[in-house]
Each structure stands twice: as structure tokens, then as C-alpha cells.
Protein backbone atom coordinates (compact mmCIF):
# COMPACT_ATOMS: atom_id res chain seq x y z
CA MET A 1 109.90 31.00 108.83
CA ALA A 2 106.32 29.77 108.91
CA VAL A 3 103.35 31.95 108.09
CA ILE A 4 100.04 31.01 109.66
CA VAL A 5 97.00 32.07 107.68
CA HIS A 6 93.26 31.62 108.00
CA GLU A 7 90.46 31.43 105.44
CA ASP A 8 89.90 35.21 105.48
CA PHE A 9 93.59 36.07 105.04
CA GLN A 10 94.12 38.68 102.31
CA PHE A 11 97.47 39.59 100.82
CA ILE A 12 99.29 41.47 98.08
CA VAL A 13 101.93 40.07 95.71
CA GLN A 14 105.11 42.08 95.23
CA GLY A 15 106.50 41.96 91.69
CA ILE A 16 103.16 40.62 90.44
CA THR A 17 103.91 41.24 86.75
CA GLY A 18 107.07 39.09 86.79
CA ARG A 19 107.15 35.57 85.36
CA GLU A 20 107.25 33.68 88.67
CA ALA A 21 104.72 35.96 90.37
CA LEU A 22 102.28 35.60 87.44
CA ASN A 23 102.29 31.83 87.89
CA PHE A 24 102.09 32.17 91.68
CA THR A 25 99.13 34.55 91.40
CA ARG A 26 97.27 32.33 88.94
CA GLU A 27 97.76 29.24 91.10
CA CYS A 28 96.76 31.03 94.29
CA LEU A 29 93.59 32.39 92.70
CA GLN A 30 92.71 28.93 91.37
CA TYR A 31 93.17 27.57 94.89
CA GLY A 32 90.83 30.24 96.25
CA SER A 33 93.30 32.61 97.91
CA LYS A 34 92.25 36.22 98.40
CA ILE A 35 94.86 38.27 96.57
CA ILE A 36 93.68 41.85 96.82
CA GLY A 37 96.47 43.63 94.98
CA GLY A 38 99.89 43.45 93.46
CA VAL A 39 102.87 45.80 93.33
CA THR A 40 105.27 46.43 90.47
CA PRO A 41 106.98 49.84 90.16
CA GLY A 42 105.99 51.65 86.97
CA LYS A 43 103.11 49.30 86.12
CA GLY A 44 100.37 50.70 88.35
CA GLY A 45 96.87 50.83 86.92
CA ARG A 46 97.09 47.46 85.18
CA GLU A 47 95.42 44.22 86.23
CA VAL A 48 96.76 40.68 86.47
CA TYR A 49 94.04 38.01 86.47
CA GLY A 50 91.62 40.66 87.73
CA VAL A 51 93.96 41.76 90.53
CA PRO A 52 94.80 45.49 90.51
CA VAL A 53 98.47 46.44 90.18
CA TYR A 54 99.93 49.40 92.09
CA ASP A 55 103.27 51.21 91.76
CA THR A 56 104.09 50.99 95.49
CA VAL A 57 102.99 49.04 98.55
CA LYS A 58 102.02 52.34 100.12
CA GLY A 59 99.86 53.12 97.07
CA SER A 60 98.06 49.81 97.50
CA MET A 61 97.21 50.82 101.07
CA GLU A 62 95.58 54.14 100.13
CA PRO A 63 91.92 54.53 101.15
CA SER A 64 90.87 54.66 97.48
CA SER A 65 92.44 51.25 96.78
CA ARG A 66 90.65 47.93 96.96
CA CYS A 67 93.04 46.60 99.60
CA HIS A 68 91.40 46.15 102.99
CA SER A 69 93.92 43.96 104.71
CA PRO A 70 95.11 43.86 108.32
CA LEU A 71 98.40 45.30 107.01
CA ARG A 72 96.56 48.39 105.79
CA ARG A 73 94.89 48.91 109.17
CA MET A 74 98.23 48.40 110.91
CA LEU A 75 100.03 50.88 108.63
CA HIS A 76 97.37 53.54 109.15
CA THR A 77 97.25 53.19 112.95
CA LYS A 78 100.92 52.65 113.80
CA GLN A 79 103.08 55.69 114.49
CA SER A 80 106.26 55.43 112.46
CA THR A 81 109.54 56.39 114.08
CA PRO A 82 112.41 57.65 111.91
CA ALA A 83 115.32 55.21 111.87
CA SER A 84 117.63 57.92 113.22
CA LYS A 85 115.58 58.14 116.45
CA ARG A 86 115.38 54.39 117.18
């Protein structure tokens, strides 16, 4: 699957405190990518290379968080339908 991004693309890294994600985050930041948050359960409140870490993806999308991505806008505007009613 291909992912098309543009220069203003912002994203979060899931599992950001893990070994592979730490290297990925460092390399992306060196390249100039806009990582606006990371998620690792139980490690919220920390920072990795200046990137805030949250306990959940939902927590990273809260209005008080630094994340201002298209995903956040989509999550806050889309009506969710319970799986049992789909």
C-alpha cells in the first residue's frame, strides 16, 4: 500500500518508545518530517526527541494536545457507528 504525503503532512508514531520506533523517529526528524506525537501505553507524559508521548491515540487527539493533524479533525467530525449496527 502506498501512502502519498505532502510537505505539510503531520503524523504520530505508534509505539514510539520502542527500539525500532526510536530510530525511525530520529531519522524522520533529521529528514524534516513533522512528527507531532507518539503513542505508547503507560508511558504518556514523556518526550522522545522533543516529541510528546501519549498513552492512547485518542489521548493524542484531545484538544489540549499538540496534535493538529487531519486525523484529529476527521475523528472529531465523523460520527462513529457501533460495530453491532454496521
